[in-house]
Amino acid sequence: MSEFFRQAGMALLGGWIIGVVFAGIRLPAPVPPLLGLIGAFGILLGGYCYELIFKMFR
């Protein structure tokens, strides 16, 4: 679990750096609208749930 948090922190830091750079050169952020991010989170959550259910019944 610690490895997950390290990777998540690095991803967040990388995204923050890109956000600062894009804001500094006055470009729009290269991210989808909020609903797109929520949808991507749902896909990720569904994948984790599938793995959990698969392990429970195996």
PDB file of N, CA and C in Angstrom:
ATOM      1  N   MET A   1       0.829  -1.196   0.000  1.00  0.00           N
ATOM      2  CA  MET A   1       0.000   0.000   0.000  1.00  0.00           C
ATOM      3  C   MET A   1       0.870   1.255   0.000  1.00  0.00           C
ATOM      4  N   SER A   2       2.009   1.186   0.653  1.00  0.00           N
ATOM      5  CA  SER A   2       2.905   2.338   0.701  1.00  0.00           C
ATOM      6  C   SER A   2       3.400   2.704  -0.700  1.00  0.00           C
ATOM      7  N   GLU A   3       3.656   1.699  -1.516  1.00  0.00           N
ATOM      8  CA  GLU A   3       4.090   1.932  -2.893  1.00  0.00           C
ATOM      9  C   GLU A   3       3.022   2.695  -3.676  1.00  0.00           C
ATOM     10  N   PHE A   4       1.767   2.363  -3.453  1.00  0.00           N
ATOM     11  CA  PHE A   4       0.669   3.067  -4.123  1.00  0.00           C
ATOM     12  C   PHE A   4       0.684   4.553  -3.779  1.00  0.00           C
ATOM     13  N   PHE A   5       0.832   4.869  -2.479  1.00  0.00           N
ATOM     14  CA  PHE A   5       0.819   6.267  -2.066  1.00  0.00           C
ATOM     15  C   PHE A   5       2.032   7.024  -2.607  1.00  0.00           C
ATOM     16  N   ARG A   6       3.162   6.345  -2.710  1.00  0.00           N
ATOM     17  CA  ARG A   6       4.346   6.985  -3.288  1.00  0.00           C
ATOM     18  C   ARG A   6       4.106   7.310  -4.758  1.00  0.00           C
ATOM     19  N   GLN A   7       3.537   6.363  -5.493  1.00  0.00           N
ATOM     20  CA  GLN A   7       3.251   6.591  -6.906  1.00  0.00           C
ATOM     21  C   GLN A   7       2.179   7.655  -7.092  1.00  0.00           C
ATOM     22  N   ALA A   8       1.144   7.623  -6.248  1.00  0.00           N
ATOM     23  CA  ALA A   8       0.099   8.634  -6.338  1.00  0.00           C
ATOM     24  C   ALA A   8       0.653  10.023  -6.036  1.00  0.00           C
ATOM     25  N   GLY A   9       1.532  10.112  -5.053  1.00  0.00           N
ATOM     26  CA  GLY A   9       2.158  11.390  -4.730  1.00  0.00           C
ATOM     27  C   GLY A   9       3.020  11.904  -5.865  1.00  0.00           C
ATOM     28  N   MET A  10       3.767  11.007  -6.505  1.00  0.00           N
ATOM     29  CA  MET A  10       4.600  11.416  -7.643  1.00  0.00           C
ATOM     30  C   MET A  10       3.741  11.870  -8.820  1.00  0.00           C
ATOM     31  N   ALA A  11       2.630  11.179  -9.052  1.00  0.00           N
ATOM     32  CA  ALA A  11       1.725  11.582 -10.126  1.00  0.00           C
ATOM     33  C   ALA A  11       1.116  12.955  -9.839  1.00  0.00           C
ATOM     34  N   LEU A  12       0.735  13.179  -8.587  1.00  0.00           N
ATOM     35  CA  LEU A  12       0.172  14.470  -8.206  1.00  0.00           C
ATOM     36  C   LEU A  12       1.216  15.575  -8.345  1.00  0.00           C
ATOM     37  N   LEU A  13       2.433  15.305  -7.922  1.00  0.00           N
ATOM     38  CA  LEU A  13       3.507  16.287  -8.042  1.00  0.00           C
ATOM     39  C   LEU A  13       3.795  16.600  -9.514  1.00  0.00           C
ATOM     40  N   GLY A  14       3.845  15.569 -10.339  1.00  0.00           N
ATOM     41  CA  GLY A  14       4.062  15.770 -11.775  1.00  0.00           C
ATOM     42  C   GLY A  14       2.963  16.604 -12.402  1.00  0.00           C
ATOM     43  N   GLY A  15       1.726  16.314 -12.036  1.00  0.00           N
ATOM     44  CA  GLY A  15       0.604  17.101 -12.544  1.00  0.00           C
ATOM     45  C   GLY A  15       0.665  18.542 -12.088  1.00  0.00           C
ATOM     46  N   TRP A  16       1.080  18.745 -10.839  1.00  0.00           N
ATOM     47  CA  TRP A  16       1.203  20.109 -10.305  1.00  0.00           C
ATOM     48  C   TRP A  16       2.262  20.893 -11.075  1.00  0.00           C
ATOM     49  N   ILE A  17       3.391  20.237 -11.346  1.00  0.00           N
ATOM     50  CA  ILE A  17       4.469  20.900 -12.087  1.00  0.00           C
ATOM     51  C   ILE A  17       3.992  21.290 -13.485  1.00  0.00           C
ATOM     52  N   ILE A  18       3.314  20.372 -14.163  1.00  0.00           N
ATOM     53  CA  ILE A  18       2.781  20.674 -15.500  1.00  0.00           C
ATOM     54  C   ILE A  18       1.784  21.828 -15.429  1.00  0.00           C
ATOM     55  N   GLY A  19       0.938  21.829 -14.399  1.00  0.00           N
ATOM     56  CA  GLY A  19      -0.026  22.927 -14.229  1.00  0.00           C
ATOM     57  C   GLY A  19       0.652  24.261 -14.059  1.00  0.00           C
ATOM     58  N   VAL A  20       1.729  24.292 -13.274  1.00  0.00           N
ATOM     59  CA  VAL A  20       2.469  25.545 -13.069  1.00  0.00           C
ATOM     60  C   VAL A  20       3.103  26.009 -14.379  1.00  0.00           C
ATOM     61  N   VAL A  21       3.711  25.070 -15.120  1.00  0.00           N
ATOM     62  CA  VAL A  21       4.341  25.425 -16.396  1.00  0.00           C
ATOM     63  C   VAL A  21       3.306  25.954 -17.381  1.00  0.00           C
ATOM     64  N   PHE A  22       2.188  25.263 -17.508  1.00  0.00           N
ATOM     65  CA  PHE A  22       1.155  25.710 -18.446  1.00  0.00           C
ATOM     66  C   PHE A  22       0.592  27.067 -18.050  1.00  0.00           C
ATOM     67  N   ALA A  23       0.400  27.295 -16.754  1.00  0.00           N
ATOM     68  CA  ALA A  23      -0.093  28.595 -16.313  1.00  0.00           C
ATOM     69  C   ALA A  23       0.941  29.682 -16.575  1.00  0.00           C
ATOM     70  N   GLY A  24       2.224  29.330 -16.400  1.00  0.00           N
ATOM     71  CA  GLY A  24       3.287  30.298 -16.626  1.00  0.00           C
ATOM     72  C   GLY A  24       3.390  30.749 -18.066  1.00  0.00           C
ATOM     73  N   ILE A  25       3.101  29.870 -19.011  1.00  0.00           N
ATOM     74  CA  ILE A  25       3.148  30.259 -20.426  1.00  0.00           C
ATOM     75  C   ILE A  25       1.750  30.535 -20.977  1.00  0.00           C
ATOM     76  N   ARG A  26       0.810  30.650 -20.060  1.00  0.00           N
ATOM     77  CA  ARG A  26      -0.570  31.059 -20.362  1.00  0.00           C
ATOM     78  C   ARG A  26      -1.266  30.164 -21.388  1.00  0.00           C
ATOM     79  N   LEU A  27      -1.141  28.860 -21.182  1.00  0.00           N
ATOM     80  CA  LEU A  27      -1.856  27.885 -22.002  1.00  0.00           C
ATOM     81  C   LEU A  27      -2.962  27.264 -21.154  1.00  0.00           C
ATOM     82  N   PRO A  28      -4.051  26.834 -21.777  1.00  0.00           N
ATOM     83  CA  PRO A  28      -5.094  26.157 -20.999  1.00  0.00           C
ATOM     84  C   PRO A  28      -4.591  24.805 -20.507  1.00  0.00           C
ATOM     85  N   ALA A  29      -5.059  24.401 -19.361  1.00  0.00           N
ATOM     86  CA  ALA A  29      -4.644  23.120 -18.781  1.00  0.00           C
ATOM     87  C   ALA A  29      -5.079  21.967 -19.682  1.00  0.00           C
ATOM     88  N   PRO A  30      -4.186  20.995 -19.923  1.00  0.00           N
ATOM     89  CA  PRO A  30      -4.507  19.875 -20.809  1.00  0.00           C
ATOM     90  C   PRO A  30      -5.260  18.763 -20.084  1.00  0.00           C
ATOM     91  N   VAL A  31      -6.404  19.093 -19.518  1.00  0.00           N
ATOM     92  CA  VAL A  31      -7.212  18.107 -18.793  1.00  0.00           C
ATOM     93  C   VAL A  31      -8.643  18.163 -19.298  1.00  0.00           C
ATOM     94  N   PRO A  32      -9.365  17.049 -19.185  1.00  0.00           N
ATOM     95  CA  PRO A  32     -10.767  17.064 -19.586  1.00  0.00           C
ATOM     96  C   PRO A  32     -11.607  17.828 -18.566  1.00  0.00           C
ATOM     97  N   PRO A  33     -12.817  18.171 -18.924  1.00  0.00           N
ATOM     98  CA  PRO A  33     -13.696  18.826 -17.957  1.00  0.00           C
ATOM     99  C   PRO A  33     -13.921  17.931 -16.738  1.00  0.00           C
ATOM    100  N   LEU A  34     -14.483  18.492 -15.703  1.00  0.00           N
ATOM    101  CA  LEU A  34     -14.684  17.774 -14.449  1.00  0.00           C
ATOM    102  C   LEU A  34     -15.456  16.471 -14.653  1.00  0.00           C
ATOM    103  N   LEU A  35     -16.479  16.483 -15.480  1.00  0.00           N
ATOM    104  CA  LEU A  35     -17.248  15.250 -15.700  1.00  0.00           C
ATOM    105  C   LEU A  35     -16.390  14.165 -16.351  1.00  0.00           C
ATOM    106  N   GLY A  36     -15.446  14.557 -17.187  1.00  0.00           N
ATOM    107  CA  GLY A  36     -14.536  13.579 -17.778  1.00  0.00           C
ATOM    108  C   GLY A  36     -13.637  12.946 -16.725  1.00  0.00           C
ATOM    109  N   LEU A  37     -13.173  13.755 -15.786  1.00  0.00           N
ATOM    110  CA  LEU A  37     -12.344  13.224 -14.705  1.00  0.00           C
ATOM    111  C   LEU A  37     -13.140  12.297 -13.801  1.00  0.00           C
ATOM    112  N   ILE A  38     -14.390  12.644 -13.538  1.00  0.00           N
ATOM    113  CA  ILE A  38     -15.241  11.789 -12.708  1.00  0.00           C
ATOM    114  C   ILE A  38     -15.483  10.464 -13.423  1.00  0.00           C
ATOM    115  N   GLY A  39     -15.698  10.506 -14.723  1.00  0.00           N
ATOM    116  CA  GLY A  39     -15.892   9.285 -15.495  1.00  0.00           C
ATOM    117  C   GLY A  39     -14.649   8.410 -15.480  1.00  0.00           C
ATOM    118  N   ALA A  40     -13.464   9.025 -15.616  1.00  0.00           N
ATOM    119  CA  ALA A  40     -12.214   8.273 -15.572  1.00  0.00           C
ATOM    120  C   ALA A  40     -12.024   7.633 -14.197  1.00  0.00           C
ATOM    121  N   PHE A  41     -12.389   8.340 -13.149  1.00  0.00           N
ATOM    122  CA  PHE A  41     -12.305   7.781 -11.800  1.00  0.00           C
ATOM    123  C   PHE A  41     -13.243   6.586 -11.666  1.00  0.00           C
ATOM    124  N   GLY A  42     -14.436   6.679 -12.251  1.00  0.00           N
ATOM    125  CA  GLY A  42     -15.386   5.569 -12.206  1.00  0.00           C
ATOM    126  C   GLY A  42     -14.842   4.338 -12.905  1.00  0.00           C
ATOM    127  N   ILE A  43     -14.174   4.544 -14.023  1.00  0.00           N
ATOM    128  CA  ILE A  43     -13.569   3.415 -14.740  1.00  0.00           C
ATOM    129  C   ILE A  43     -12.488   2.769 -13.884  1.00  0.00           C
ATOM    130  N   LEU A  44     -11.652   3.583 -13.280  1.00  0.00           N
ATOM    131  CA  LEU A  44     -10.588   3.071 -12.413  1.00  0.00           C
ATOM    132  C   LEU A  44     -11.182   2.322 -11.221  1.00  0.00           C
ATOM    133  N   LEU A  45     -12.195   2.885 -10.602  1.00  0.00           N
ATOM    134  CA  LEU A  45     -12.844   2.248  -9.463  1.00  0.00           C
ATOM    135  C   LEU A  45     -13.477   0.917  -9.866  1.00  0.00           C
ATOM    136  N   GLY A  46     -14.102   0.876 -11.025  1.00  0.00           N
ATOM    137  CA  GLY A  46     -14.691  -0.364 -11.521  1.00  0.00           C
ATOM    138  C   GLY A  46     -13.650  -1.450 -11.721  1.00  0.00           C
ATOM    139  N   GLY A  47     -12.467  -1.062 -12.220  1.00  0.00           N
ATOM    140  CA  GLY A  47     -11.384  -2.030 -12.395  1.00  0.00           C
ATOM    141  C   GLY A  47     -10.908  -2.598 -11.069  1.00  0.00           C
ATOM    142  N   TYR A  48     -10.789  -1.742 -10.064  1.00  0.00           N
ATOM    143  CA  TYR A  48     -10.389  -2.219  -8.738  1.00  0.00           C
ATOM    144  C   TYR A  48     -11.457  -3.128  -8.137  1.00  0.00           C
ATOM    145  N   CYS A  49     -12.708  -2.764  -8.302  1.00  0.00           N
ATOM    146  CA  CYS A  49     -13.796  -3.589  -7.766  1.00  0.00           C
ATOM    147  C   CYS A  49     -13.821  -4.955  -8.440  1.00  0.00           C
ATOM    148  N   TYR A  50     -13.589  -4.997  -9.742  1.00  0.00           N
ATOM    149  CA  TYR A  50     -13.552  -6.255 -10.463  1.00  0.00           C
ATOM    150  C   TYR A  50     -12.473  -7.168  -9.876  1.00  0.00           C
ATOM    151  N   GLU A  51     -11.283  -6.604  -9.678  1.00  0.00           N
ATOM    152  CA  GLU A  51     -10.185  -7.396  -9.107  1.00  0.00           C
ATOM    153  C   GLU A  51     -10.539  -7.900  -7.714  1.00  0.00           C
ATOM    154  N   LEU A  52     -11.154  -7.064  -6.901  1.00  0.00           N
ATOM    155  CA  LEU A  52     -11.535  -7.453  -5.550  1.00  0.00           C
ATOM    156  C   LEU A  52     -12.570  -8.572  -5.568  1.00  0.00           C
ATOM    157  N   ILE A  53     -13.584  -8.433  -6.395  1.00  0.00           N
ATOM    158  CA  ILE A  53     -14.623  -9.456  -6.501  1.00  0.00           C
ATOM    159  C   ILE A  53     -14.040 -10.765  -7.029  1.00  0.00           C
ATOM    160  N   PHE A  54     -13.162 -10.664  -8.011  1.00  0.00           N
ATOM    161  CA  PHE A  54     -12.535 -11.847  -8.585  1.00  0.00           C
ATOM    162  C   PHE A  54     -11.728 -12.598  -7.521  1.00  0.00           C
ATOM    163  N   LYS A  55     -10.997 -11.859  -6.673  1.00  0.00           N
ATOM    164  CA  LYS A  55     -10.211 -12.491  -5.606  1.00  0.00           C
ATOM    165  C   LYS A  55     -11.099 -13.107  -4.552  1.00  0.00           C
ATOM    166  N   MET A  56     -12.236 -12.501  -4.256  1.00  0.00           N
ATOM    167  CA  MET A  56     -13.133 -13.006  -3.227  1.00  0.00           C
ATOM    168  C   MET A  56     -13.749 -14.349  -3.624  1.00  0.00           C
ATOM    169  N   PHE A  57     -14.069 -14.530  -4.893  1.00  0.00           N
ATOM    170  CA  PHE A  57     -14.745 -15.747  -5.342  1.00  0.00           C
ATOM    171  C   PHE A  57     -13.773 -16.775  -5.910  1.00  0.00           C
ATOM    172  N   ARG A  58     -12.529 -16.535  -5.836  1.00  0.00           N
ATOM    173  CA  ARG A  58     -11.555 -17.466  -6.360  1.00  0.00           C
ATOM    174  C   ARG A  58     -10.908 -18.275  -5.296  1.00  0.00           C
TER     175      ARG A  58
END
